[in-house]
Amino acid sequence: MEQRSLGSLRVSVVGIGCNNFGGRLDAATTTAVVHGALDAGVNFFDTADIYGATQSEVLLGRALAGRRGDAVVATKFGMPIDDDHVGAHPDYVRRACEDSLRRLDTDYIDLYQLHFPDDTVPIADTLGALAQLVHAGKVREIGCSNLNPDQLHEAKVAAGDGPAFVSVQNQYSLLAREPERDGVLETCEELNIGFLPFYPLANGLLTGKFRPGQPLPAGSRLAAMSAERSVHWLSEGFQQKVGALLDYADEIHVPILSIAFSWLLSHHQVASVIAGASSPEQVRANVGAVTQLTPAQRERLDELTA
């Protein structure tokens, strides 16, 4: 599988999102997904301390036993686990890292990411703590999530000659194109930061399983989602765009799953498309979805979704 760079790291262009590990997926299924991914050429696994109520890291670590060297492990800190485990204060950054290392049963994290900006802590202080972890060999590269262009520029200046963010993880898909409008993609180009899209399949709308006007697929994330959250994803605007994309997919004989992955990867700033999987078969489907879109196809997709 093709790999792209994140700082000193080389990551597969299809990655595994681990937010279902320890939640919807038990230990045995998690191990099957992880081993299926490695066997399919996927080396990039993205988790966070809050996923699965901290159990995602635990199950990922167990699944990688004996194969840790084959994987690039990314995790995150900063979102509230409880009242005492939240934020980006230097003391907490160091403690959160130790907790993640223990849960992952490893002595290093490949990509350690600030999950959400903490306005109560100067970014220079957070970066200082992260630099200490890098110099100690506990973290190889650092990244961030949910930062805007101003915050990315501030972080770059604050890093000085020390370790700087090599990645930013924000929402991006054919149905959510804010990184183009808010300047994050442009900033990635300027600062040599890799972009990692989350919700690349728009919570399942772009998998091909969802059909506008039909019942939600049983067992899907959308079907399990609260009514309050699903209102956003099932809006009339999204359903119209999904319908148009499905029609176009049929017209060009390319599955909508392939269109969703390949369109994202056609942006050179995107280092990897991270998507969840509930089985090795789904991993293989994601891996096989990557194809090359023509300029005319990309132009048509812009017309349908921009």
C-alpha atoms as a PDB file:
ATOM      1  CA  MET A   1       0.000   0.000   0.000  1.00  0.00           C
ATOM      2  CA  GLU A   2       1.100   3.531  -0.705  1.00  0.00           C
ATOM      3  CA  GLN A   3       2.536   5.400   2.257  1.00  0.00           C
ATOM      4  CA  ARG A   4       2.858   9.134   2.872  1.00  0.00           C
ATOM      5  CA  SER A   5       4.956  11.161   5.295  1.00  0.00           C
ATOM      6  CA  LEU A   6       4.055  12.659   8.638  1.00  0.00           C
ATOM      7  CA  GLY A   7       7.294  14.195   9.814  1.00  0.00           C
ATOM      8  CA  SER A   8       9.665  11.254  10.220  1.00  0.00           C
ATOM      9  CA  LEU A   9       6.801   8.743  10.091  1.00  0.00           C
ATOM     10  CA  ARG A  10       5.569   6.827   7.044  1.00  0.00           C
ATOM     11  CA  VAL A  11       1.871   5.992   7.254  1.00  0.00           C
ATOM     12  CA  SER A  12      -0.392   3.939   5.009  1.00  0.00           C
ATOM     13  CA  VAL A  13      -2.851   6.040   3.015  1.00  0.00           C
ATOM     14  CA  VAL A  14      -5.666   4.030   4.593  1.00  0.00           C
ATOM     15  CA  GLY A  15      -5.615   3.999   8.380  1.00  0.00           C
ATOM     16  CA  ILE A  16      -7.772   2.461  11.085  1.00  0.00           C
ATOM     17  CA  GLY A  17      -9.814   4.646  13.408  1.00  0.00           C
ATOM     18  CA  CYS A  18      -9.972   2.929  16.775  1.00  0.00           C
ATOM     19  CA  ASN A  19     -12.863   4.765  18.409  1.00  0.00           C
ATOM     20  CA  ASN A  20     -15.007   1.596  18.381  1.00  0.00           C
ATOM     21  CA  PHE A  21     -12.391  -0.519  20.173  1.00  0.00           C
ATOM     22  CA  GLY A  22     -13.584  -1.232  23.707  1.00  0.00           C
ATOM     23  CA  GLY A  23     -17.064   0.011  22.841  1.00  0.00           C
ATOM     24  CA  ARG A  24     -18.863  -1.574  19.909  1.00  0.00           C
ATOM     25  CA  LEU A  25     -15.942  -3.986  19.421  1.00  0.00           C
ATOM     26  CA  ASP A  26     -14.742  -6.422  22.081  1.00  0.00           C
ATOM     27  CA  ALA A  27     -11.177  -7.668  22.536  1.00  0.00           C
ATOM     28  CA  ALA A  28     -11.432 -10.585  20.110  1.00  0.00           C
ATOM     29  CA  THR A  29     -12.967  -8.512  17.324  1.00  0.00           C
ATOM     30  CA  THR A  30     -10.479  -5.707  17.907  1.00  0.00           C
ATOM     31  CA  THR A  31      -7.591  -8.151  17.517  1.00  0.00           C
ATOM     32  CA  ALA A  32      -9.122  -9.553  14.336  1.00  0.00           C
ATOM     33  CA  VAL A  33      -9.480  -6.057  12.864  1.00  0.00           C
ATOM     34  CA  VAL A  34      -5.940  -5.031  13.832  1.00  0.00           C
ATOM     35  CA  HIS A  35      -4.343  -8.198  12.473  1.00  0.00           C
ATOM     36  CA  GLY A  36      -6.473  -7.994   9.329  1.00  0.00           C
ATOM     37  CA  ALA A  37      -5.295  -4.422   8.815  1.00  0.00           C
ATOM     38  CA  LEU A  38      -1.627  -5.280   9.246  1.00  0.00           C
ATOM     39  CA  ASP A  39      -1.966  -8.210   6.864  1.00  0.00           C
ATOM     40  CA  ALA A  40      -3.609  -5.894   4.296  1.00  0.00           C
ATOM     41  CA  GLY A  41      -0.731  -3.410   4.435  1.00  0.00           C
ATOM     42  CA  VAL A  42      -2.307  -0.925   6.840  1.00  0.00           C
ATOM     43  CA  ASN A  43       0.175   0.309   9.438  1.00  0.00           C
ATOM     44  CA  PHE A  44      -1.558   3.411  10.852  1.00  0.00           C
ATOM     45  CA  PHE A  45      -3.825   3.131  13.911  1.00  0.00           C
ATOM     46  CA  ASP A  46      -5.428   6.219  15.414  1.00  0.00           C
ATOM     47  CA  THR A  47      -6.887   6.087  18.922  1.00  0.00           C
ATOM     48  CA  ALA A  48      -7.336   8.416  21.898  1.00  0.00           C
ATOM     49  CA  ASP A  49      -7.343   8.131  25.659  1.00  0.00           C
ATOM     50  CA  ILE A  50     -11.100   8.791  25.780  1.00  0.00           C
ATOM     51  CA  TYR A  51     -12.092   6.184  23.188  1.00  0.00           C
ATOM     52  CA  GLY A  52     -13.949   3.243  24.668  1.00  0.00           C
ATOM     53  CA  ALA A  53     -13.700   4.873  28.116  1.00  0.00           C
ATOM     54  CA  THR A  54      -9.874   4.367  27.913  1.00  0.00           C
ATOM     55  CA  GLN A  55     -10.261   0.741  26.762  1.00  0.00           C
ATOM     56  CA  SER A  56      -9.473   1.432  23.101  1.00  0.00           C
ATOM     57  CA  GLU A  57      -5.814   1.950  23.952  1.00  0.00           C
ATOM     58  CA  VAL A  58      -5.811  -1.195  26.101  1.00  0.00           C
ATOM     59  CA  LEU A  59      -7.289  -3.422  23.393  1.00  0.00           C
ATOM     60  CA  LEU A  60      -5.097  -1.907  20.677  1.00  0.00           C
ATOM     61  CA  GLY A  61      -2.014  -2.572  22.779  1.00  0.00           C
ATOM     62  CA  ARG A  62      -3.028  -6.191  23.329  1.00  0.00           C
ATOM     63  CA  ALA A  63      -3.775  -6.688  19.640  1.00  0.00           C
ATOM     64  CA  LEU A  64      -0.330  -5.361  18.699  1.00  0.00           C
ATOM     65  CA  ALA A  65       1.530  -7.685  21.078  1.00  0.00           C
ATOM     66  CA  GLY A  66       4.418  -9.145  19.098  1.00  0.00           C
ATOM     67  CA  ARG A  67       3.700  -6.839  16.130  1.00  0.00           C
ATOM     68  CA  ARG A  68       4.293  -3.399  17.629  1.00  0.00           C
ATOM     69  CA  GLY A  69       7.122  -2.680  15.223  1.00  0.00           C
ATOM     70  CA  ASP A  70       4.788  -3.128  12.268  1.00  0.00           C
ATOM     71  CA  ALA A  71       2.447  -0.354  13.435  1.00  0.00           C
ATOM     72  CA  VAL A  72       2.414   3.423  13.618  1.00  0.00           C
ATOM     73  CA  VAL A  73       0.343   4.194  16.708  1.00  0.00           C
ATOM     74  CA  ALA A  74      -1.298   7.589  17.104  1.00  0.00           C
ATOM     75  CA  THR A  75      -3.176   8.570  20.230  1.00  0.00           C
ATOM     76  CA  LYS A  76      -4.552  11.782  21.703  1.00  0.00           C
ATOM     77  CA  PHE A  77      -4.901  13.598  25.007  1.00  0.00           C
ATOM     78  CA  GLY A  78      -6.808  16.604  26.272  1.00  0.00           C
ATOM     79  CA  MET A  79     -10.490  15.733  26.050  1.00  0.00           C
ATOM     80  CA  PRO A  80     -12.085  15.082  29.451  1.00  0.00           C
ATOM     81  CA  ILE A  81     -11.830  11.551  30.798  1.00  0.00           C
ATOM     82  CA  ASP A  82     -13.018  12.882  34.155  1.00  0.00           C
ATOM     83  CA  ASP A  83     -12.599  16.081  36.152  1.00  0.00           C
ATOM     84  CA  ASP A  84      -8.945  15.267  36.926  1.00  0.00           C
ATOM     85  CA  HIS A  85      -7.952  14.090  33.467  1.00  0.00           C
ATOM     86  CA  VAL A  86      -8.454  16.888  30.969  1.00  0.00           C
ATOM     87  CA  GLY A  87      -6.664  19.761  29.270  1.00  0.00           C
ATOM     88  CA  ALA A  88      -3.206  20.655  28.005  1.00  0.00           C
ATOM     89  CA  HIS A  89      -1.352  21.845  31.123  1.00  0.00           C
ATOM     90  CA  PRO A  90       2.257  20.586  31.029  1.00  0.00           C
ATOM     91  CA  ASP A  91       1.862  18.499  34.183  1.00  0.00           C
ATOM     92  CA  TYR A  92      -1.177  16.804  32.743  1.00  0.00           C
ATOM     93  CA  VAL A  93       0.444  16.266  29.344  1.00  0.00           C
ATOM     94  CA  ARG A  94       3.227  14.288  30.988  1.00  0.00           C
ATOM     95  CA  ARG A  95       0.802  12.311  33.153  1.00  0.00           C
ATOM     96  CA  ALA A  96      -1.551  11.605  30.263  1.00  0.00           C
ATOM     97  CA  CYS A  97       1.337  10.309  28.178  1.00  0.00           C
ATOM     98  CA  GLU A  98       2.428   7.920  30.916  1.00  0.00           C
ATOM     99  CA  ASP A  99      -1.154   6.680  31.250  1.00  0.00           C
ATOM    100  CA  SER A 100      -1.409   6.062  27.493  1.00  0.00           C
ATOM    101  CA  LEU A 101       1.952   4.287  27.391  1.00  0.00           C
ATOM    102  CA  ARG A 102       0.776   1.984  30.174  1.00  0.00           C
ATOM    103  CA  ARG A 103      -2.564   1.248  28.548  1.00  0.00           C
ATOM    104  CA  LEU A 104      -0.960   0.662  25.142  1.00  0.00           C
ATOM    105  CA  ASP A 105       1.696  -1.527  26.791  1.00  0.00           C
ATOM    106  CA  THR A 106       4.446   0.183  24.826  1.00  0.00           C
ATOM    107  CA  ASP A 107       7.425   2.389  25.609  1.00  0.00           C
ATOM    108  CA  TYR A 108       6.814   4.915  22.820  1.00  0.00           C
ATOM    109  CA  ILE A 109       3.964   6.602  20.958  1.00  0.00           C
ATOM    110  CA  ASP A 110       4.556   7.321  17.287  1.00  0.00           C
ATOM    111  CA  LEU A 111       2.211  10.324  17.012  1.00  0.00           C
ATOM    112  CA  TYR A 112       0.954  12.064  20.159  1.00  0.00           C
ATOM    113  CA  GLN A 113      -1.823  14.524  19.441  1.00  0.00           C
ATOM    114  CA  LEU A 114      -3.473  17.387  21.302  1.00  0.00           C
ATOM    115  CA  HIS A 115      -7.128  16.394  20.922  1.00  0.00           C
ATOM    116  CA  PHE A 116      -8.619  19.854  21.339  1.00  0.00           C
ATOM    117  CA  PRO A 117      -7.134  23.308  21.996  1.00  0.00           C
ATOM    118  CA  ASP A 118      -7.058  24.406  25.646  1.00  0.00           C
ATOM    119  CA  ASP A 119      -7.571  28.157  25.844  1.00  0.00           C
ATOM    120  CA  THR A 120      -6.500  28.200  29.499  1.00  0.00           C
ATOM    121  CA  VAL A 121      -2.935  27.113  28.722  1.00  0.00           C
ATOM    122  CA  PRO A 122      -0.464  28.912  26.430  1.00  0.00           C
ATOM    123  CA  ILE A 123       0.340  26.653  23.507  1.00  0.00           C
ATOM    124  CA  ALA A 124       4.037  27.249  24.151  1.00  0.00           C
ATOM    125  CA  ASP A 125       3.673  25.559  27.557  1.00  0.00           C
ATOM    126  CA  THR A 126       1.961  22.532  26.028  1.00  0.00           C
ATOM    127  CA  LEU A 127       4.590  22.282  23.302  1.00  0.00           C
ATOM    128  CA  GLY A 128       7.327  22.497  25.914  1.00  0.00           C
ATOM    129  CA  ALA A 129       5.945  19.445  27.699  1.00  0.00           C
ATOM    130  CA  LEU A 130       5.561  17.585  24.416  1.00  0.00           C
ATOM    131  CA  ALA A 131       9.155  18.447  23.510  1.00  0.00           C
ATOM    132  CA  GLN A 132      10.303  16.868  26.759  1.00  0.00           C
ATOM    133  CA  LEU A 133       8.459  13.674  25.844  1.00  0.00           C
ATOM    134  CA  VAL A 134      10.068  13.653  22.394  1.00  0.00           C
ATOM    135  CA  HIS A 135      13.547  14.200  23.841  1.00  0.00           C
ATOM    136  CA  ALA A 136      12.926  11.405  26.356  1.00  0.00           C
ATOM    137  CA  GLY A 137      12.089   9.010  23.519  1.00  0.00           C
ATOM    138  CA  LYS A 138       8.525   8.454  24.705  1.00  0.00           C
ATOM    139  CA  VAL A 139       7.003  10.209  21.680  1.00  0.00           C
ATOM    140  CA  ARG A 140       8.329  10.242  18.108  1.00  0.00           C
ATOM    141  CA  GLU A 141       6.204  13.014  16.556  1.00  0.00           C
ATOM    142  CA  ILE A 142       3.505  15.372  17.788  1.00  0.00           C
ATOM    143  CA  GLY A 143       0.248  16.467  16.206  1.00  0.00           C
ATOM    144  CA  CYS A 144      -3.010  18.213  16.969  1.00  0.00           C
ATOM    145  CA  SER A 145      -6.709  18.104  16.236  1.00  0.00           C
ATOM    146  CA  ASN A 146      -9.475  20.676  15.843  1.00  0.00           C
ATOM    147  CA  LEU A 147      -7.097  23.644  15.420  1.00  0.00           C
ATOM    148  CA  ASN A 148      -7.802  26.510  13.027  1.00  0.00           C
ATOM    149  CA  PRO A 149      -5.207  28.313  10.847  1.00  0.00           C
ATOM    150  CA  ASP A 150      -4.475  31.014  13.439  1.00  0.00           C
ATOM    151  CA  GLN A 151      -3.851  28.393  16.106  1.00  0.00           C
ATOM    152  CA  LEU A 152      -1.629  26.368  13.768  1.00  0.00           C
ATOM    153  CA  HIS A 153       0.467  29.440  12.984  1.00  0.00           C
ATOM    154  CA  GLU A 154       0.698  30.315  16.680  1.00  0.00           C
ATOM    155  CA  ALA A 155       1.848  26.793  17.473  1.00  0.00           C
ATOM    156  CA  LYS A 156       4.472  26.886  14.731  1.00  0.00           C
ATOM    157  CA  VAL A 157       5.948  30.121  16.082  1.00  0.00           C
ATOM    158  CA  ALA A 158       5.793  28.846  19.679  1.00  0.00           C
ATOM    159  CA  ALA A 159       7.644  25.652  18.765  1.00  0.00           C
ATOM    160  CA  GLY A 160      10.684  27.613  17.631  1.00  0.00           C
ATOM    161  CA  ASP A 161      13.526  25.225  16.932  1.00  0.00           C
ATOM    162  CA  GLY A 162      11.869  22.458  18.965  1.00  0.00           C
ATOM    163  CA  PRO A 163       9.423  19.735  17.948  1.00  0.00           C
ATOM    164  CA  ALA A 164       6.439  21.132  16.048  1.00  0.00           C
ATOM    165  CA  PHE A 165       3.095  19.679  15.029  1.00  0.00           C
ATOM    166  CA  VAL A 166       3.494  17.451  11.968  1.00  0.00           C
ATOM    167  CA  SER A 167      -0.227  16.750  11.621  1.00  0.00           C
ATOM    168  CA  VAL A 168      -3.654  18.232  12.182  1.00  0.00           C
ATOM    169  CA  GLN A 169      -6.801  16.140  12.392  1.00  0.00           C
ATOM    170  CA  ASN A 170     -10.028  17.964  11.477  1.00  0.00           C
ATOM    171  CA  GLN A 171     -13.323  16.906   9.949  1.00  0.00           C
ATOM    172  CA  TYR A 172     -13.187  16.639   6.164  1.00  0.00           C
ATOM    173  CA  SER A 173     -15.201  14.737   3.594  1.00  0.00           C
ATOM    174  CA  LEU A 174     -17.204  15.316   0.438  1.00  0.00           C
ATOM    175  CA  LEU A 175     -20.030  16.411   2.738  1.00  0.00           C
ATOM    176  CA  ALA A 176     -17.920  18.572   5.069  1.00  0.00           C
ATOM    177  CA  ARG A 177     -15.478  20.747   3.155  1.00  0.00           C
ATOM    178  CA  GLU A 178     -14.686  23.349   5.802  1.00  0.00           C
ATOM    179  CA  PRO A 179     -10.877  22.808   5.645  1.00  0.00           C
ATOM    180  CA  GLU A 180     -10.960  24.270   2.145  1.00  0.00           C
ATOM    181  CA  ARG A 181     -13.004  27.298   3.183  1.00  0.00           C
ATOM    182  CA  ASP A 182     -11.408  28.044   6.572  1.00  0.00           C
ATOM    183  CA  GLY A 183      -7.848  27.849   5.231  1.00  0.00           C
ATOM    184  CA  VAL A 184      -6.628  24.787   7.139  1.00  0.00           C
ATOM    185  CA  LEU A 185      -5.580  22.930   3.979  1.00  0.00           C
ATOM    186  CA  GLU A 186      -3.746  25.997   2.747  1.00  0.00           C
ATOM    187  CA  THR A 187      -2.043  26.342   6.124  1.00  0.00           C
ATOM    188  CA  CYS A 188      -0.961  22.700   5.985  1.00  0.00           C
ATOM    189  CA  GLU A 189       0.691  23.418   2.672  1.00  0.00           C
ATOM    190  CA  GLU A 190       2.406  26.509   4.034  1.00  0.00           C
ATOM    191  CA  LEU A 191       3.672  24.915   7.261  1.00  0.00           C
ATOM    192  CA  ASN A 192       4.366  21.415   5.881  1.00  0.00           C
ATOM    193  CA  ILE A 193       1.757  19.808   8.124  1.00  0.00           C
ATOM    194  CA  GLY A 194      -0.013  16.612   7.131  1.00  0.00           C
ATOM    195  CA  PHE A 195      -3.799  16.594   7.197  1.00  0.00           C
ATOM    196  CA  LEU A 196      -5.734  13.691   8.730  1.00  0.00           C
ATOM    197  CA  PRO A 197      -9.480  13.856   8.024  1.00  0.00           C
ATOM    198  CA  PHE A 198     -11.877  12.519  10.620  1.00  0.00           C
ATOM    199  CA  TYR A 199     -15.402  11.434   9.667  1.00  0.00           C
ATOM    200  CA  PRO A 200     -14.105  10.790   6.112  1.00  0.00           C
ATOM    201  CA  LEU A 201     -17.222   8.755   5.359  1.00  0.00           C
ATOM    202  CA  ALA A 202     -19.545  11.269   7.027  1.00  0.00           C
ATOM    203  CA  ASN A 203     -20.595   8.858   9.771  1.00  0.00           C
ATOM    204  CA  GLY A 204     -21.534   6.204   7.240  1.00  0.00           C
ATOM    205  CA  LEU A 205     -23.382   8.351   4.698  1.00  0.00           C
ATOM    206  CA  LEU A 206     -20.647   7.706   2.116  1.00  0.00           C
ATOM    207  CA  THR A 207     -20.219   3.952   2.596  1.00  0.00           C
ATOM    208  CA  GLY A 208     -22.862   2.968   0.052  1.00  0.00           C
ATOM    209  CA  LYS A 209     -24.975   1.312   2.743  1.00  0.00           C
ATOM    210  CA  PHE A 210     -27.070   4.440   3.330  1.00  0.00           C
ATOM    211  CA  ARG A 211     -29.813   5.234   0.846  1.00  0.00           C
ATOM    212  CA  PRO A 212     -31.843   8.451   1.168  1.00  0.00           C
ATOM    213  CA  GLY A 213     -35.447   7.792   2.109  1.00  0.00           C
ATOM    214  CA  GLN A 214     -34.757   4.225   3.242  1.00  0.00           C
ATOM    215  CA  PRO A 215     -34.403   2.866   6.815  1.00  0.00           C
ATOM    216  CA  LEU A 216     -30.961   3.183   8.360  1.00  0.00           C
ATOM    217  CA  PRO A 217     -28.848   0.008   8.093  1.00  0.00           C
ATOM    218  CA  ALA A 218     -29.149  -2.102  11.245  1.00  0.00           C
ATOM    219  CA  GLY A 219     -26.064  -1.911  13.444  1.00  0.00           C
ATOM    220  CA  SER A 220     -24.713   1.204  11.732  1.00  0.00           C
ATOM    221  CA  ARG A 221     -23.309   4.169  13.639  1.00  0.00           C
ATOM    222  CA  LEU A 222     -26.136   6.346  12.400  1.00  0.00           C
ATOM    223  CA  ALA A 223     -28.747   3.875  13.628  1.00  0.00           C
ATOM    224  CA  ALA A 224     -27.135   3.834  17.067  1.00  0.00           C
ATOM    225  CA  MET A 225     -26.750   7.602  17.237  1.00  0.00           C
ATOM    226  CA  SER A 226     -28.916   9.771  19.446  1.00  0.00           C
ATOM    227  CA  ALA A 227     -31.775  11.602  17.770  1.00  0.00           C
ATOM    228  CA  GLU A 228     -30.158  14.919  18.671  1.00  0.00           C
ATOM    229  CA  ARG A 229     -26.968  14.078  16.774  1.00  0.00           C
ATOM    230  CA  SER A 230     -28.581  12.221  13.891  1.00  0.00           C
ATOM    231  CA  VAL A 231     -30.635  15.292  12.957  1.00  0.00           C
ATOM    232  CA  HIS A 232     -27.453  16.902  11.625  1.00  0.00           C
ATOM    233  CA  TRP A 233     -26.350  13.916   9.563  1.00  0.00           C
ATOM    234  CA  LEU A 234     -29.811  13.115   8.234  1.00  0.00           C
ATOM    235  CA  SER A 235     -30.622  16.664   7.164  1.00  0.00           C
ATOM    236  CA  GLU A 236     -32.329  17.190   3.826  1.00  0.00           C
ATOM    237  CA  GLY A 237     -29.229  18.907   2.423  1.00  0.00           C
ATOM    238  CA  PHE A 238     -26.983  15.946   3.188  1.00  0.00           C
ATOM    239  CA  GLN A 239     -29.502  13.453   1.855  1.00  0.00           C
ATOM    240  CA  GLN A 240     -29.797  15.345  -1.426  1.00  0.00           C
ATOM    241  CA  LYS A 241     -26.002  15.377  -1.842  1.00  0.00           C
ATOM    242  CA  VAL A 242     -25.712  11.681  -0.995  1.00  0.00           C
ATOM    243  CA  GLY A 243     -28.404  10.898  -3.543  1.00  0.00           C
ATOM    244  CA  ALA A 244     -26.558  12.898  -6.192  1.00  0.00           C
ATOM    245  CA  LEU A 245     -23.281  11.160  -5.348  1.00  0.00           C
ATOM    246  CA  LEU A 246     -24.889   7.723  -5.534  1.00  0.00           C
ATOM    247  CA  ASP A 247     -26.300   8.553  -8.953  1.00  0.00           C
ATOM    248  CA  TYR A 248     -22.888   9.754 -10.141  1.00  0.00           C
ATOM    249  CA  ALA A 249     -21.191   6.659  -8.703  1.00  0.00           C
ATOM    250  CA  ASP A 250     -23.533   4.493 -10.758  1.00  0.00           C
ATOM    251  CA  GLU A 251     -22.866   6.649 -13.825  1.00  0.00           C
ATOM    252  CA  ILE A 252     -19.082   6.228 -13.691  1.00  0.00           C
ATOM    253  CA  HIS A 253     -19.184   2.674 -12.268  1.00  0.00           C
ATOM    254  CA  VAL A 254     -17.113   3.588  -9.208  1.00  0.00           C
ATOM    255  CA  PRO A 255     -18.535   2.732  -5.749  1.00  0.00           C
ATOM    256  CA  ILE A 256     -19.277   5.729  -3.545  1.00  0.00           C
ATOM    257  CA  LEU A 257     -16.879   4.279  -0.942  1.00  0.00           C
ATOM    258  CA  SER A 258     -14.063   4.478  -3.501  1.00  0.00           C
ATOM    259  CA  ILE A 259     -15.091   7.998  -4.447  1.00  0.00           C
ATOM    260  CA  ALA A 260     -15.034   9.122  -0.799  1.00  0.00           C
ATOM    261  CA  PHE A 261     -11.567   7.689  -0.066  1.00  0.00           C
ATOM    262  CA  SER A 262      -9.993   8.578  -3.374  1.00  0.00           C
ATOM    263  CA  TRP A 263     -11.298  12.137  -3.446  1.00  0.00           C
ATOM    264  CA  LEU A 264      -9.712  12.832  -0.067  1.00  0.00           C
ATOM    265  CA  LEU A 265      -6.409  11.250  -1.112  1.00  0.00           C
ATOM    266  CA  SER A 266      -6.355  13.332  -4.286  1.00  0.00           C
ATOM    267  CA  HIS A 267      -5.452  16.247  -1.989  1.00  0.00           C
ATOM    268  CA  HIS A 268      -1.727  15.933  -1.469  1.00  0.00           C
ATOM    269  CA  GLN A 269      -1.957  17.488   2.004  1.00  0.00           C
ATOM    270  CA  VAL A 270      -3.928  14.428   3.174  1.00  0.00           C
ATOM    271  CA  ALA A 271      -1.522  11.884   4.611  1.00  0.00           C
ATOM    272  CA  SER A 272      -3.984   9.121   5.468  1.00  0.00           C
ATOM    273  CA  VAL A 273      -7.722   8.500   5.485  1.00  0.00           C
ATOM    274  CA  ILE A 274      -8.607   7.063   8.876  1.00  0.00           C
ATOM    275  CA  ALA A 275     -11.815   5.055   8.957  1.00  0.00           C
ATOM    276  CA  GLY A 276     -13.270   2.673  11.503  1.00  0.00           C
ATOM    277  CA  ALA A 277     -13.825  -0.986  10.705  1.00  0.00           C
ATOM    278  CA  SER A 278     -15.790  -3.685  12.484  1.00  0.00           C
ATOM    279  CA  SER A 279     -14.283  -6.696  10.703  1.00  0.00           C
ATOM    280  CA  PRO A 280     -11.241  -7.718   8.655  1.00  0.00           C
ATOM    281  CA  GLU A 281     -13.540  -7.826   5.603  1.00  0.00           C
ATOM    282  CA  GLN A 282     -14.398  -4.171   6.102  1.00  0.00           C
ATOM    283  CA  VAL A 283     -10.705  -3.332   6.402  1.00  0.00           C
ATOM    284  CA  ARG A 284     -10.036  -5.051   3.089  1.00  0.00           C
ATOM    285  CA  ALA A 285     -12.951  -3.191   1.498  1.00  0.00           C
ATOM    286  CA  ASN A 286     -11.487   0.131   2.647  1.00  0.00           C
ATOM    287  CA  VAL A 287      -8.043  -0.798   1.368  1.00  0.00           C
ATOM    288  CA  GLY A 288      -9.459  -1.884  -1.983  1.00  0.00           C
ATOM    289  CA  ALA A 289     -11.484   1.314  -2.292  1.00  0.00           C
ATOM    290  CA  VAL A 290      -8.519   3.509  -3.176  1.00  0.00           C
ATOM    291  CA  THR A 291      -8.376   4.372  -6.861  1.00  0.00           C
ATOM    292  CA  GLN A 292      -7.341   7.263  -9.105  1.00  0.00           C
ATOM    293  CA  LEU A 293      -9.990   9.829  -9.996  1.00  0.00           C
ATOM    294  CA  THR A 294      -9.675  11.726 -13.263  1.00  0.00           C
ATOM    295  CA  PRO A 295      -9.611  15.550 -13.307  1.00  0.00           C
ATOM    296  CA  ALA A 296     -13.052  15.498 -14.918  1.00  0.00           C
ATOM    297  CA  GLN A 297     -14.408  13.293 -12.140  1.00  0.00           C
ATOM    298  CA  ARG A 298     -12.967  15.561  -9.464  1.00  0.00           C
ATOM    299  CA  GLU A 299     -14.504  18.569 -11.180  1.00  0.00           C
ATOM    300  CA  ARG A 300     -17.908  16.897 -11.244  1.00  0.00           C
ATOM    301  CA  LEU A 301     -17.630  15.976  -7.557  1.00  0.00           C
ATOM    302  CA  ASP A 302     -16.885  19.620  -6.805  1.00  0.00           C
ATOM    303  CA  GLU A 303     -20.033  20.618  -8.646  1.00  0.00           C
ATOM    304  CA  LEU A 304     -22.097  18.118  -6.678  1.00  0.00           C
ATOM    305  CA  THR A 305     -20.769  18.877  -3.189  1.00  0.00           C
ATOM    306  CA  ALA A 306     -18.789  22.138  -2.931  1.00  0.00           C
END
